[in-house]
Amino acid sequence: MIRVVALILLTLSAGPALAGATDWQEVAPGVKLRLISSDRIEGGVTLAGLEIDMPATTNTYWRIPGETGIPTEFDFSASTGVSGPQVHWPYPQIDRSRGYLDYAYYGPVVLPFEIEAEETEAILDVSVVLGICDEICIPAAARLSLPLAFAASDAAQSLRLDQAMSQTPFLWDKPGEPFATVEAGLDGSLHVYGADPSIDPQSVIADVGDPAILFETPQKSPDRDLWTLKPLGAAAKKGLEGSSVQLTFLTPDGPYAVTRDVAPSQP
């Protein structure tokens, strides 16, 4: 069982070491992070992100952390000249290495933000709390401040952010629907019918809006076009009909996500 030790609280308010990056800040042994930003702004919208440098054996967590993970929390309220921040989450690893179901990032990762910013005097000020886990799990916190300098070219940070966005699930844009219907099972499971053949069933992550409600990867029925996602442990919730579920998954063309209403179970 992973032990949780005392919170590490670190604050960084220094200016950028490059046009689009703060200095690195160590938040745990061998783990450091910084803010980076794009040097491009289009229609008042730009990209920034939290870059986390970790060893390959160390992880943090996706927006749904899983059974044992620590959720990542961002606070942008101290920023100036910045509004409408939206955190984008690259597709995670479905991790069972510790005997639990978690959604994790191992090694270096960038969590990109899409923000509305002014071209002058915009300062991105972010407080973040996240889990850093290896043999033990440490909830770490930091505050980082970065002036957004669009006049100064820093193509390396823009490239990192573009790469992170390419790993973030896209809305489905292929012909047809990725799933025909999603129905509620009587035991709290989800029944998914008519999945597109390009979707890897072992990559499907179901989110019903409550991070405590988790589902196993789909089991394919041998006699009909049905995938069943069984609820995990005590987090089962009956009466899912009428709610919405976001399904995130991989295809050969990359990660996608769709939101579907959950229909009542059919006989």
C-alpha atoms as a PDB file:
ATOM      1  CA  MET A   1       0.000   0.000   0.000  1.00  0.00           C
ATOM      2  CA  ILE A   2       1.376   3.414  -0.897  1.00  0.00           C
ATOM      3  CA  ARG A   3       2.176   5.611   2.104  1.00  0.00           C
ATOM      4  CA  VAL A   4       1.412   9.309   1.968  1.00  0.00           C
ATOM      5  CA  VAL A   5       3.946  11.545   3.711  1.00  0.00           C
ATOM      6  CA  ALA A   6       3.923  15.210   4.649  1.00  0.00           C
ATOM      7  CA  LEU A   7       3.007  17.872   2.123  1.00  0.00           C
ATOM      8  CA  ILE A   8       5.867  19.669   0.430  1.00  0.00           C
ATOM      9  CA  LEU A   9       4.999  23.313  -0.138  1.00  0.00           C
ATOM     10  CA  LEU A  10       7.255  25.337  -2.398  1.00  0.00           C
ATOM     11  CA  THR A  11       6.678  28.779  -3.842  1.00  0.00           C
ATOM     12  CA  LEU A  12       8.266  30.222  -6.949  1.00  0.00           C
ATOM     13  CA  SER A  13       7.726  33.808  -8.009  1.00  0.00           C
ATOM     14  CA  ALA A  14      10.859  34.378 -10.069  1.00  0.00           C
ATOM     15  CA  GLY A  15      10.819  35.722 -13.606  1.00  0.00           C
ATOM     16  CA  PRO A  16      11.427  33.469 -16.599  1.00  0.00           C
ATOM     17  CA  ALA A  17      14.821  31.960 -17.328  1.00  0.00           C
ATOM     18  CA  LEU A  18      13.868  32.028 -21.030  1.00  0.00           C
ATOM     19  CA  ALA A  19      11.245  34.023 -22.896  1.00  0.00           C
ATOM     20  CA  GLY A  20       8.685  31.301 -22.249  1.00  0.00           C
ATOM     21  CA  ALA A  21       9.812  29.403 -19.130  1.00  0.00           C
ATOM     22  CA  THR A  22      10.323  29.848 -15.408  1.00  0.00           C
ATOM     23  CA  ASP A  23      13.341  28.422 -13.650  1.00  0.00           C
ATOM     24  CA  TRP A  24      13.055  24.756 -12.722  1.00  0.00           C
ATOM     25  CA  GLN A  25      11.876  24.092  -9.153  1.00  0.00           C
ATOM     26  CA  GLU A  26      12.543  20.808  -7.370  1.00  0.00           C
ATOM     27  CA  VAL A  27       9.426  19.544  -5.587  1.00  0.00           C
ATOM     28  CA  ALA A  28      10.605  16.030  -4.654  1.00  0.00           C
ATOM     29  CA  PRO A  29      13.878  14.098  -4.947  1.00  0.00           C
ATOM     30  CA  GLY A  30      14.681  13.897  -8.652  1.00  0.00           C
ATOM     31  CA  VAL A  31      11.466  15.688  -9.630  1.00  0.00           C
ATOM     32  CA  LYS A  32      11.284  19.266 -10.854  1.00  0.00           C
ATOM     33  CA  LEU A  33       8.702  21.385 -12.591  1.00  0.00           C
ATOM     34  CA  ARG A  34       8.290  24.727 -14.291  1.00  0.00           C
ATOM     35  CA  LEU A  35       5.793  26.807 -16.246  1.00  0.00           C
ATOM     36  CA  ILE A  36       6.295  27.181 -19.986  1.00  0.00           C
ATOM     37  CA  SER A  37       4.415  29.324 -22.484  1.00  0.00           C
ATOM     38  CA  SER A  38       4.034  29.637 -26.214  1.00  0.00           C
ATOM     39  CA  ASP A  39       5.419  32.667 -28.010  1.00  0.00           C
ATOM     40  CA  ARG A  40       2.301  32.713 -30.208  1.00  0.00           C
ATOM     41  CA  ILE A  41      -1.064  34.314 -29.533  1.00  0.00           C
ATOM     42  CA  GLU A  42      -3.933  34.037 -32.017  1.00  0.00           C
ATOM     43  CA  GLY A  43      -7.252  35.770 -31.510  1.00  0.00           C
ATOM     44  CA  GLY A  44      -6.333  36.489 -27.896  1.00  0.00           C
ATOM     45  CA  VAL A  45      -5.754  32.775 -27.152  1.00  0.00           C
ATOM     46  CA  THR A  46      -2.400  31.180 -26.344  1.00  0.00           C
ATOM     47  CA  LEU A  47      -0.948  28.017 -24.822  1.00  0.00           C
ATOM     48  CA  ALA A  48       1.005  27.561 -21.617  1.00  0.00           C
ATOM     49  CA  GLY A  49       1.637  24.499 -19.504  1.00  0.00           C
ATOM     50  CA  LEU A  50       3.133  22.791 -16.502  1.00  0.00           C
ATOM     51  CA  GLU A  51       6.249  20.849 -17.492  1.00  0.00           C
ATOM     52  CA  ILE A  52       7.119  18.043 -15.059  1.00  0.00           C
ATOM     53  CA  ASP A  53      10.503  16.329 -15.233  1.00  0.00           C
ATOM     54  CA  MET A  54      10.424  12.950 -13.441  1.00  0.00           C
ATOM     55  CA  PRO A  55      12.449   9.730 -13.578  1.00  0.00           C
ATOM     56  CA  ALA A  56      10.882   6.923 -15.619  1.00  0.00           C
ATOM     57  CA  THR A  57       9.895   5.108 -12.401  1.00  0.00           C
ATOM     58  CA  THR A  58       8.122   8.136 -10.888  1.00  0.00           C
ATOM     59  CA  ASN A  59       4.582   9.202 -11.715  1.00  0.00           C
ATOM     60  CA  THR A  60       1.889  11.777 -11.229  1.00  0.00           C
ATOM     61  CA  TYR A  61      -1.799  11.482 -12.148  1.00  0.00           C
ATOM     62  CA  TRP A  62      -4.386  12.244 -14.829  1.00  0.00           C
ATOM     63  CA  ARG A  63      -7.476  14.396 -14.188  1.00  0.00           C
ATOM     64  CA  ILE A  64      -9.125  11.238 -12.768  1.00  0.00           C
ATOM     65  CA  PRO A  65      -6.392   9.773 -10.577  1.00  0.00           C
ATOM     66  CA  GLY A  66      -7.879   6.310 -10.060  1.00  0.00           C
ATOM     67  CA  GLU A  67      -8.093   4.181  -6.920  1.00  0.00           C
ATOM     68  CA  THR A  68      -5.032   5.430  -5.055  1.00  0.00           C
ATOM     69  CA  GLY A  69      -3.894   8.510  -6.972  1.00  0.00           C
ATOM     70  CA  ILE A  70      -3.826  12.086  -5.726  1.00  0.00           C
ATOM     71  CA  PRO A  71      -5.841  14.484  -7.926  1.00  0.00           C
ATOM     72  CA  THR A  72      -3.983  17.371  -9.559  1.00  0.00           C
ATOM     73  CA  GLU A  73      -5.469  20.770  -8.717  1.00  0.00           C
ATOM     74  CA  PHE A  74      -4.735  24.117 -10.406  1.00  0.00           C
ATOM     75  CA  ASP A  75      -5.533  27.640  -9.192  1.00  0.00           C
ATOM     76  CA  PHE A  76      -5.112  30.452 -11.744  1.00  0.00           C
ATOM     77  CA  SER A  77      -6.860  33.161  -9.701  1.00  0.00           C
ATOM     78  CA  ALA A  78      -3.695  35.206  -8.982  1.00  0.00           C
ATOM     79  CA  SER A  79      -2.980  35.702 -12.712  1.00  0.00           C
ATOM     80  CA  THR A  80      -3.365  39.113 -14.341  1.00  0.00           C
ATOM     81  CA  GLY A  81      -4.334  39.777 -17.952  1.00  0.00           C
ATOM     82  CA  VAL A  82      -5.337  36.112 -18.218  1.00  0.00           C
ATOM     83  CA  SER A  83      -8.807  34.527 -18.310  1.00  0.00           C
ATOM     84  CA  GLY A  84     -10.687  31.370 -19.219  1.00  0.00           C
ATOM     85  CA  PRO A  85      -7.922  28.854 -18.439  1.00  0.00           C
ATOM     86  CA  GLN A  86      -8.661  25.347 -19.671  1.00  0.00           C
ATOM     87  CA  VAL A  87      -6.361  22.483 -18.662  1.00  0.00           C
ATOM     88  CA  HIS A  88      -5.853  19.816 -21.322  1.00  0.00           C
ATOM     89  CA  TRP A  89      -4.849  16.311 -20.255  1.00  0.00           C
ATOM     90  CA  PRO A  90      -2.727  14.067 -22.483  1.00  0.00           C
ATOM     91  CA  TYR A  91      -3.950  10.483 -22.603  1.00  0.00           C
ATOM     92  CA  PRO A  92      -2.584   8.640 -19.512  1.00  0.00           C
ATOM     93  CA  GLN A  93      -1.208   5.190 -18.823  1.00  0.00           C
ATOM     94  CA  ILE A  94      -3.774   2.754 -17.404  1.00  0.00           C
ATOM     95  CA  ASP A  95      -1.634   1.623 -14.503  1.00  0.00           C
ATOM     96  CA  ARG A  96      -2.104  -1.561 -12.456  1.00  0.00           C
ATOM     97  CA  SER A  97       1.542  -1.944 -11.420  1.00  0.00           C
ATOM     98  CA  ARG A  98       0.784  -1.490  -7.702  1.00  0.00           C
ATOM     99  CA  GLY A  99      -2.265  -3.749  -7.682  1.00  0.00           C
ATOM    100  CA  TYR A 100      -4.765  -0.897  -8.097  1.00  0.00           C
ATOM    101  CA  LEU A 101      -6.326   0.832 -11.082  1.00  0.00           C
ATOM    102  CA  ASP A 102      -4.765   4.273 -11.542  1.00  0.00           C
ATOM    103  CA  TYR A 103      -4.440   6.681 -14.464  1.00  0.00           C
ATOM    104  CA  ALA A 104      -0.881   7.946 -14.433  1.00  0.00           C
ATOM    105  CA  TYR A 105       1.922   9.767 -16.213  1.00  0.00           C
ATOM    106  CA  TYR A 106       5.421   8.320 -15.843  1.00  0.00           C
ATOM    107  CA  GLY A 107       8.579  10.263 -16.603  1.00  0.00           C
ATOM    108  CA  PRO A 108       8.618  13.722 -18.253  1.00  0.00           C
ATOM    109  CA  VAL A 109       5.216  15.164 -19.152  1.00  0.00           C
ATOM    110  CA  VAL A 110       3.666  18.511 -20.099  1.00  0.00           C
ATOM    111  CA  LEU A 111       0.132  19.417 -18.988  1.00  0.00           C
ATOM    112  CA  PRO A 112      -0.950  22.189 -21.395  1.00  0.00           C
ATOM    113  CA  PHE A 113      -3.323  25.082 -20.651  1.00  0.00           C
ATOM    114  CA  GLU A 114      -5.329  27.022 -23.198  1.00  0.00           C
ATOM    115  CA  ILE A 115      -5.819  30.587 -21.971  1.00  0.00           C
ATOM    116  CA  GLU A 116      -7.149  33.943 -23.089  1.00  0.00           C
ATOM    117  CA  ALA A 117      -4.413  36.528 -22.616  1.00  0.00           C
ATOM    118  CA  GLU A 118      -3.622  40.142 -23.320  1.00  0.00           C
ATOM    119  CA  GLU A 119      -0.588  40.799 -25.466  1.00  0.00           C
ATOM    120  CA  THR A 120       0.834  43.232 -22.914  1.00  0.00           C
ATOM    121  CA  GLU A 121       1.264  42.900 -19.145  1.00  0.00           C
ATOM    122  CA  ALA A 122      -0.171  39.393 -18.924  1.00  0.00           C
ATOM    123  CA  ILE A 123       1.200  37.325 -16.033  1.00  0.00           C
ATOM    124  CA  LEU A 124       0.344  33.657 -15.562  1.00  0.00           C
ATOM    125  CA  ASP A 125       0.357  32.886 -11.830  1.00  0.00           C
ATOM    126  CA  VAL A 126      -0.451  29.257 -11.043  1.00  0.00           C
ATOM    127  CA  SER A 127      -0.731  27.344  -7.788  1.00  0.00           C
ATOM    128  CA  VAL A 128      -0.689  23.575  -8.226  1.00  0.00           C
ATOM    129  CA  VAL A 129      -1.050  20.568  -5.941  1.00  0.00           C
ATOM    130  CA  LEU A 130      -0.171  17.170  -7.372  1.00  0.00           C
ATOM    131  CA  GLY A 131       0.868  13.682  -6.311  1.00  0.00           C
ATOM    132  CA  ILE A 132       4.449  12.559  -6.914  1.00  0.00           C
ATOM    133  CA  CYS A 133       4.780   8.808  -6.471  1.00  0.00           C
ATOM    134  CA  ASP A 134       7.582   6.255  -6.533  1.00  0.00           C
ATOM    135  CA  GLU A 135       8.035   3.909  -3.565  1.00  0.00           C
ATOM    136  CA  ILE A 136       6.052   6.436  -1.541  1.00  0.00           C
ATOM    137  CA  CYS A 137       3.482   9.008  -2.625  1.00  0.00           C
ATOM    138  CA  ILE A 138       4.086  12.681  -1.811  1.00  0.00           C
ATOM    139  CA  PRO A 139       1.434  15.391  -2.252  1.00  0.00           C
ATOM    140  CA  ALA A 140       3.536  18.328  -3.450  1.00  0.00           C
ATOM    141  CA  ALA A 141       2.515  21.952  -3.986  1.00  0.00           C
ATOM    142  CA  ALA A 142       4.083  24.905  -5.757  1.00  0.00           C
ATOM    143  CA  ARG A 143       3.266  28.401  -6.939  1.00  0.00           C
ATOM    144  CA  LEU A 144       4.814  29.579 -10.197  1.00  0.00           C
ATOM    145  CA  SER A 145       4.605  32.960 -11.917  1.00  0.00           C
ATOM    146  CA  LEU A 146       5.456  33.642 -15.561  1.00  0.00           C
ATOM    147  CA  PRO A 147       5.134  36.877 -17.548  1.00  0.00           C
ATOM    148  CA  LEU A 148       3.828  36.030 -21.022  1.00  0.00           C
ATOM    149  CA  ALA A 149       6.310  37.494 -23.527  1.00  0.00           C
ATOM    150  CA  PHE A 150       4.894  37.164 -27.037  1.00  0.00           C
ATOM    151  CA  ALA A 151       7.433  39.572 -28.529  1.00  0.00           C
ATOM    152  CA  ALA A 152      10.351  37.316 -27.529  1.00  0.00           C
ATOM    153  CA  SER A 153      10.738  34.204 -29.654  1.00  0.00           C
ATOM    154  CA  ASP A 154      11.047  30.891 -27.785  1.00  0.00           C
ATOM    155  CA  ALA A 155      10.131  28.229 -30.321  1.00  0.00           C
ATOM    156  CA  ALA A 156      11.314  25.355 -28.097  1.00  0.00           C
ATOM    157  CA  GLN A 157       8.520  25.922 -25.568  1.00  0.00           C
ATOM    158  CA  SER A 158       5.918  26.285 -28.309  1.00  0.00           C
ATOM    159  CA  LEU A 159       7.067  22.949 -29.732  1.00  0.00           C
ATOM    160  CA  ARG A 160       6.763  21.218 -26.346  1.00  0.00           C
ATOM    161  CA  LEU A 161       3.239  22.557 -25.966  1.00  0.00           C
ATOM    162  CA  ASP A 162       2.244  21.537 -29.493  1.00  0.00           C
ATOM    163  CA  GLN A 163       3.543  18.018 -28.829  1.00  0.00           C
ATOM    164  CA  ALA A 164       1.569  17.820 -25.568  1.00  0.00           C
ATOM    165  CA  MET A 165      -1.607  18.987 -27.308  1.00  0.00           C
ATOM    166  CA  SER A 166      -1.145  16.289 -29.979  1.00  0.00           C
ATOM    167  CA  GLN A 167      -1.307  13.686 -27.177  1.00  0.00           C
ATOM    168  CA  THR A 168      -4.508  15.178 -25.779  1.00  0.00           C
ATOM    169  CA  PRO A 169      -7.782  13.450 -26.779  1.00  0.00           C
ATOM    170  CA  PHE A 170      -9.529  15.094 -29.730  1.00  0.00           C
ATOM    171  CA  LEU A 171     -13.251  15.267 -30.306  1.00  0.00           C
ATOM    172  CA  TRP A 172     -14.325  12.487 -32.669  1.00  0.00           C
ATOM    173  CA  ASP A 173     -14.016  13.680 -36.280  1.00  0.00           C
ATOM    174  CA  LYS A 174     -14.130  10.413 -38.231  1.00  0.00           C
ATOM    175  CA  PRO A 175     -17.076   9.228 -40.372  1.00  0.00           C
ATOM    176  CA  GLY A 176     -19.879   7.645 -38.375  1.00  0.00           C
ATOM    177  CA  GLU A 177     -20.212   7.430 -34.617  1.00  0.00           C
ATOM    178  CA  PRO A 178     -17.543   5.880 -32.346  1.00  0.00           C
ATOM    179  CA  PHE A 179     -20.297   4.114 -30.346  1.00  0.00           C
ATOM    180  CA  ALA A 180     -23.894   3.419 -31.319  1.00  0.00           C
ATOM    181  CA  THR A 181     -25.379   3.627 -27.811  1.00  0.00           C
ATOM    182  CA  VAL A 182     -24.367   3.550 -24.150  1.00  0.00           C
ATOM    183  CA  GLU A 183     -26.820   1.949 -21.720  1.00  0.00           C
ATOM    184  CA  ALA A 184     -26.968   1.561 -17.950  1.00  0.00           C
ATOM    185  CA  GLY A 185     -26.658  -1.984 -16.631  1.00  0.00           C
ATOM    186  CA  LEU A 186     -28.743  -3.125 -13.692  1.00  0.00           C
ATOM    187  CA  ASP A 187     -25.589  -3.787 -11.632  1.00  0.00           C
ATOM    188  CA  GLY A 188     -24.096  -0.302 -12.135  1.00  0.00           C
ATOM    189  CA  SER A 189     -22.162  -1.330 -15.232  1.00  0.00           C
ATOM    190  CA  LEU A 190     -22.111   0.454 -18.588  1.00  0.00           C
ATOM    191  CA  HIS A 191     -23.112  -1.381 -21.768  1.00  0.00           C
ATOM    192  CA  VAL A 192     -21.537   0.028 -24.915  1.00  0.00           C
ATOM    193  CA  TYR A 193     -22.910  -1.082 -28.301  1.00  0.00           C
ATOM    194  CA  GLY A 194     -21.589  -0.670 -31.821  1.00  0.00           C
ATOM    195  CA  ALA A 195     -18.013   0.426 -31.133  1.00  0.00           C
ATOM    196  CA  ASP A 196     -15.976   1.569 -34.114  1.00  0.00           C
ATOM    197  CA  PRO A 197     -13.496  -1.212 -35.001  1.00  0.00           C
ATOM    198  CA  SER A 198     -10.551   1.214 -34.826  1.00  0.00           C
ATOM    199  CA  ILE A 199     -11.031   1.694 -31.068  1.00  0.00           C
ATOM    200  CA  ASP A 200      -8.789  -0.326 -28.747  1.00  0.00           C
ATOM    201  CA  PRO A 201     -11.173  -1.673 -26.065  1.00  0.00           C
ATOM    202  CA  GLN A 202      -8.369  -1.944 -23.505  1.00  0.00           C
ATOM    203  CA  SER A 203      -7.780   1.808 -23.800  1.00  0.00           C
ATOM    204  CA  VAL A 204     -11.321   2.935 -22.919  1.00  0.00           C
ATOM    205  CA  ILE A 205     -11.703   5.111 -19.797  1.00  0.00           C
ATOM    206  CA  ALA A 206     -15.241   5.965 -18.630  1.00  0.00           C
ATOM    207  CA  ASP A 207     -15.914   9.143 -16.619  1.00  0.00           C
ATOM    208  CA  VAL A 208     -19.406   9.765 -15.221  1.00  0.00           C
ATOM    209  CA  GLY A 209     -18.425  12.983 -13.454  1.00  0.00           C
ATOM    210  CA  ASP A 210     -17.505  11.458 -10.093  1.00  0.00           C
ATOM    211  CA  PRO A 211     -13.814  10.502  -9.707  1.00  0.00           C
ATOM    212  CA  ALA A 212     -14.786   7.949  -7.045  1.00  0.00           C
ATOM    213  CA  ILE A 213     -16.783   5.940  -9.602  1.00  0.00           C
ATOM    214  CA  LEU A 214     -14.393   3.883 -11.699  1.00  0.00           C
ATOM    215  CA  PHE A 215     -14.920   1.190 -14.299  1.00  0.00           C
ATOM    216  CA  GLU A 216     -12.888  -1.761 -15.457  1.00  0.00           C
ATOM    217  CA  THR A 217     -11.724  -1.889 -19.074  1.00  0.00           C
ATOM    218  CA  PRO A 218     -14.423  -3.312 -21.386  1.00  0.00           C
ATOM    219  CA  GLN A 219     -15.206  -6.984 -21.672  1.00  0.00           C
ATOM    220  CA  LYS A 220     -16.357  -7.957 -25.174  1.00  0.00           C
ATOM    221  CA  SER A 221     -19.381 -10.188 -25.494  1.00  0.00           C
ATOM    222  CA  PRO A 222     -18.710 -13.217 -27.721  1.00  0.00           C
ATOM    223  CA  ASP A 223     -22.204 -13.349 -29.212  1.00  0.00           C
ATOM    224  CA  ARG A 224     -23.093  -9.721 -29.976  1.00  0.00           C
ATOM    225  CA  ASP A 225     -21.597  -6.307 -30.546  1.00  0.00           C
ATOM    226  CA  LEU A 226     -21.469  -5.382 -26.863  1.00  0.00           C
ATOM    227  CA  TRP A 227     -18.747  -4.114 -24.535  1.00  0.00           C
ATOM    228  CA  THR A 228     -19.439  -4.199 -20.788  1.00  0.00           C
ATOM    229  CA  LEU A 229     -17.617  -1.867 -18.406  1.00  0.00           C
ATOM    230  CA  LYS A 230     -18.102  -3.229 -14.907  1.00  0.00           C
ATOM    231  CA  PRO A 231     -17.963  -0.876 -11.902  1.00  0.00           C
ATOM    232  CA  LEU A 232     -14.894  -1.194  -9.734  1.00  0.00           C
ATOM    233  CA  GLY A 233     -15.372  -2.258  -6.124  1.00  0.00           C
ATOM    234  CA  ALA A 234     -17.538  -0.270  -3.756  1.00  0.00           C
ATOM    235  CA  ALA A 235     -17.731   2.643  -6.188  1.00  0.00           C
ATOM    236  CA  ALA A 236     -20.593   0.992  -8.090  1.00  0.00           C
ATOM    237  CA  LYS A 237     -23.538   3.291  -8.678  1.00  0.00           C
ATOM    238  CA  LYS A 238     -26.874   2.100  -9.965  1.00  0.00           C
ATOM    239  CA  GLY A 239     -29.265   4.396 -11.740  1.00  0.00           C
ATOM    240  CA  LEU A 240     -26.779   5.851 -14.226  1.00  0.00           C
ATOM    241  CA  GLU A 241     -29.493   6.250 -16.853  1.00  0.00           C
ATOM    242  CA  GLY A 242     -30.054   9.888 -17.794  1.00  0.00           C
ATOM    243  CA  SER A 243     -26.536  10.907 -16.737  1.00  0.00           C
ATOM    244  CA  SER A 244     -23.701  11.574 -19.167  1.00  0.00           C
ATOM    245  CA  VAL A 245     -20.449   9.671 -19.579  1.00  0.00           C
ATOM    246  CA  GLN A 246     -17.243  10.773 -21.245  1.00  0.00           C
ATOM    247  CA  LEU A 247     -15.436   7.931 -22.998  1.00  0.00           C
ATOM    248  CA  THR A 248     -11.736   8.471 -23.681  1.00  0.00           C
ATOM    249  CA  PHE A 249      -9.916   5.965 -25.893  1.00  0.00           C
ATOM    250  CA  LEU A 250      -7.086   5.263 -28.327  1.00  0.00           C
ATOM    251  CA  THR A 251      -7.190   4.571 -32.057  1.00  0.00           C
ATOM    252  CA  PRO A 252      -4.331   4.126 -34.544  1.00  0.00           C
ATOM    253  CA  ASP A 253      -4.767   7.847 -35.304  1.00  0.00           C
ATOM    254  CA  GLY A 254      -4.341   8.903 -31.680  1.00  0.00           C
ATOM    255  CA  PRO A 255      -6.523   9.582 -28.627  1.00  0.00           C
ATOM    256  CA  TYR A 256     -10.158  10.689 -28.821  1.00  0.00           C
ATOM    257  CA  ALA A 257     -12.964  11.515 -26.404  1.00  0.00           C
ATOM    258  CA  VAL A 258     -16.743  11.643 -26.760  1.00  0.00           C
ATOM    259  CA  THR A 259     -19.591  12.392 -24.365  1.00  0.00           C
ATOM    260  CA  ARG A 260     -22.775  10.323 -24.496  1.00  0.00           C
ATOM    261  CA  ASP A 261     -26.030  10.252 -22.568  1.00  0.00           C
ATOM    262  CA  VAL A 262     -26.579   6.990 -20.729  1.00  0.00           C
ATOM    263  CA  ALA A 263     -29.803   5.337 -21.904  1.00  0.00           C
ATOM    264  CA  PRO A 264     -31.918   2.993 -19.766  1.00  0.00           C
ATOM    265  CA  SER A 265     -31.103  -0.689 -19.987  1.00  0.00           C
ATOM    266  CA  GLN A 266     -32.986  -2.529 -22.723  1.00  0.00           C
ATOM    267  CA  PRO A 267     -34.347  -6.035 -22.196  1.00  0.00           C
END
